[in-house]
Amino acid sequence: MIKQLQDVLHTEIPLTKHIGLSVVKHTELSLTLSAPLEKNINHKCTAFGGSIYSVSVLSGWGLIYLLLKQHNLSGHIVIQESNTKFSKPVNSDITATCSFISIRQCDKFINMYKRKGVARIKLVSKISCNSENAVTFNGTYVVHT
């Protein structure tokens, strides 16, 4: 399923190919994406804020995509609202991990989508640098038919 997500990202969201985005790890409750610093560097030799945002928002998008696939569902995934807190500069590859809170959160989201054809979910994605939290992204995603 990781390969399928990688292909979808590169095909449907061309930016992902240009920034070197790759799917690193997927578990039942989380997804980790990464993009190399050298393709996303700014004038301060740290990761560009737009790239950090992109990797963060796409970690949530991808996590929802995989959840829908696990339930043999499809839909349009969009970001409705977001907030990004940049606590520290990222001077390494951009690696974002987005996680569901629990299986219960997933089940509630899927059940709502099946019943109404639309569902919302709030997710948090984090980026660490030098073993410290550098970026926290909070996003509300909507899936609709």
Protein backbone atom coordinates (compact mmCIF):
# COMPACT_ATOMS: atom_id res chain seq x y z
CA MET A 1 0.00 0.00 0.00
CA ILE A 2 2.97 2.34 0.57
CA LYS A 3 4.01 2.02 -3.08
CA GLN A 4 0.44 2.80 -4.20
CA LEU A 5 0.36 5.93 -2.01
CA GLN A 6 3.77 7.03 -3.33
CA ASP A 7 2.51 6.65 -6.92
CA VAL A 8 -0.74 8.52 -6.20
CA LEU A 9 1.11 11.39 -4.54
CA HIS A 10 3.55 11.76 -7.44
CA THR A 11 0.81 11.46 -10.08
CA GLU A 12 -2.01 13.49 -8.54
CA ILE A 13 0.09 16.08 -6.68
CA PRO A 14 3.09 16.86 -8.93
CA LEU A 15 4.74 19.06 -6.28
CA THR A 16 5.54 15.89 -4.32
CA LYS A 17 7.87 14.65 -7.05
CA HIS A 18 9.69 18.00 -7.26
CA ILE A 19 10.35 18.18 -3.51
CA GLY A 20 11.49 14.54 -3.40
CA LEU A 21 8.68 13.38 -1.12
CA SER A 22 8.82 9.73 -0.12
CA VAL A 23 6.64 7.49 2.01
CA VAL A 24 8.82 6.21 4.84
CA LYS A 25 6.57 4.20 7.15
CA HIS A 26 2.93 3.29 7.66
CA THR A 27 1.41 1.65 10.72
CA GLU A 28 -2.22 1.12 11.67
CA LEU A 29 -2.35 4.56 13.29
CA SER A 30 0.40 6.63 11.65
CA LEU A 31 2.13 7.66 8.45
CA THR A 32 5.62 9.11 8.06
CA LEU A 33 6.69 11.06 4.98
CA SER A 34 10.07 12.60 4.24
CA ALA A 35 11.64 15.07 1.82
CA PRO A 36 15.37 15.78 1.50
CA LEU A 37 16.70 19.08 2.80
CA GLU A 38 18.75 19.71 -0.34
CA LYS A 39 15.56 19.94 -2.49
CA ASN A 40 13.76 22.10 0.10
CA ILE A 41 16.44 24.45 1.40
CA ASN A 42 15.95 28.17 1.97
CA HIS A 43 18.33 31.14 2.14
CA LYS A 44 19.18 30.29 5.79
CA CYS A 45 20.28 26.74 4.87
CA THR A 46 17.27 25.30 6.70
CA ALA A 47 14.08 23.74 5.37
CA PHE A 48 11.76 26.10 3.50
CA GLY A 49 8.52 26.79 5.40
CA GLY A 50 6.36 26.01 2.36
CA SER A 51 8.00 22.61 2.02
CA ILE A 52 7.54 21.93 5.73
CA TYR A 53 3.86 22.80 5.39
CA SER A 54 3.50 20.62 2.29
CA VAL A 55 5.07 17.54 3.88
CA SER A 56 2.96 18.07 7.02
CA VAL A 57 -0.36 18.50 5.24
CA LEU A 58 0.37 15.56 2.94
CA SER A 59 1.16 13.27 5.88
CA GLY A 60 -2.44 13.75 7.03
CA TRP A 61 -3.80 13.49 3.50
CA GLY A 62 -1.90 10.25 2.96
CA LEU A 63 -2.98 8.78 6.29
CA ILE A 64 -6.63 9.38 5.38
CA TYR A 65 -6.07 8.00 1.87
CA LEU A 66 -4.68 4.76 3.32
CA LEU A 67 -7.53 4.49 5.85
CA LEU A 68 -10.09 4.83 3.07
CA LYS A 69 -8.29 2.17 1.00
CA GLN A 70 -8.27 -0.21 3.99
CA HIS A 71 -12.07 0.10 4.06
CA ASN A 72 -12.44 -0.18 0.26
CA LEU A 73 -13.66 3.42 0.07
CA SER A 74 -12.71 6.36 -2.09
CA GLY A 75 -13.42 10.05 -1.87
CA HIS A 76 -12.06 13.54 -2.31
CA ILE A 77 -9.71 14.46 0.55
CA VAL A 78 -9.22 18.18 1.16
CA ILE A 79 -7.69 20.28 3.88
CA GLN A 80 -10.32 22.59 5.36
CA GLU A 81 -8.35 24.42 8.03
CA SER A 82 -4.82 24.29 9.37
CA ASN A 83 -2.38 25.85 11.77
CA THR A 84 1.37 25.34 11.74
CA LYS A 85 3.62 26.20 14.67
CA PHE A 86 7.30 26.51 13.76
CA SER A 87 9.14 26.09 17.08
CA LYS A 88 12.67 25.47 15.80
CA PRO A 89 14.44 25.58 12.42
CA VAL A 90 14.65 22.28 10.55
CA ASN A 91 18.23 21.80 9.37
CA SER A 92 17.83 18.18 8.29
CA ASP A 93 15.56 16.24 5.98
CA ILE A 94 11.90 17.07 6.57
CA THR A 95 10.30 14.03 8.20
CA ALA A 96 6.66 14.41 9.24
CA THR A 97 4.64 11.85 11.18
CA CYS A 98 0.88 12.15 11.35
CA SER A 99 -1.10 9.93 13.69
CA PHE A 100 -4.67 9.07 14.48
CA ILE A 101 -5.50 9.36 18.18
CA SER A 102 -7.01 5.88 18.33
CA ILE A 103 -8.79 3.13 16.41
CA ARG A 104 -12.00 4.62 17.81
CA GLN A 105 -11.27 7.92 16.04
CA CYS A 106 -10.78 6.02 12.76
CA ASP A 107 -13.98 4.01 13.20
CA LYS A 108 -16.03 7.11 14.00
CA PHE A 109 -14.66 8.88 10.92
CA ILE A 110 -15.32 5.90 8.60
CA ASN A 111 -18.83 5.36 9.98
CA MET A 112 -19.71 9.03 9.46
CA TYR A 113 -18.39 8.90 5.90
CA LYS A 114 -20.37 5.76 5.10
CA ARG A 115 -23.58 7.26 6.54
CA LYS A 116 -23.41 10.81 5.20
CA GLY A 117 -20.96 10.76 2.29
CA VAL A 118 -18.90 13.41 4.07
CA ALA A 119 -16.73 13.34 7.19
CA ARG A 120 -14.28 15.62 9.01
CA ILE A 121 -11.28 14.68 11.07
CA LYS A 122 -8.67 16.67 13.00
CA LEU A 123 -5.12 15.38 12.78
CA VAL A 124 -1.75 16.42 14.14
CA SER A 125 1.53 16.02 12.29
CA LYS A 126 4.91 16.56 13.93
CA ILE A 127 8.38 17.20 12.59
CA SER A 128 11.40 16.66 14.81
CA CYS A 129 14.91 17.92 14.32
CA ASN A 130 17.87 16.87 16.48
CA SER A 131 15.49 14.87 18.71
CA GLU A 132 13.39 17.95 19.49
CA ASN A 133 9.93 18.91 18.26
CA ALA A 134 10.48 21.55 15.58
CA VAL A 135 7.06 21.84 13.91
CA THR A 136 3.50 20.99 14.94
CA PHE A 137 0.82 21.01 12.25
CA ASN A 138 -2.88 20.82 13.17
CA GLY A 139 -5.24 20.19 10.30
CA THR A 140 -8.93 19.59 9.77
CA TYR A 141 -9.52 17.39 6.74
CA VAL A 142 -12.78 16.75 4.95
CA VAL A 143 -13.56 13.74 2.79
CA HIS A 144 -16.55 13.86 0.49
CA THR A 145 -17.93 11.77 -2.35
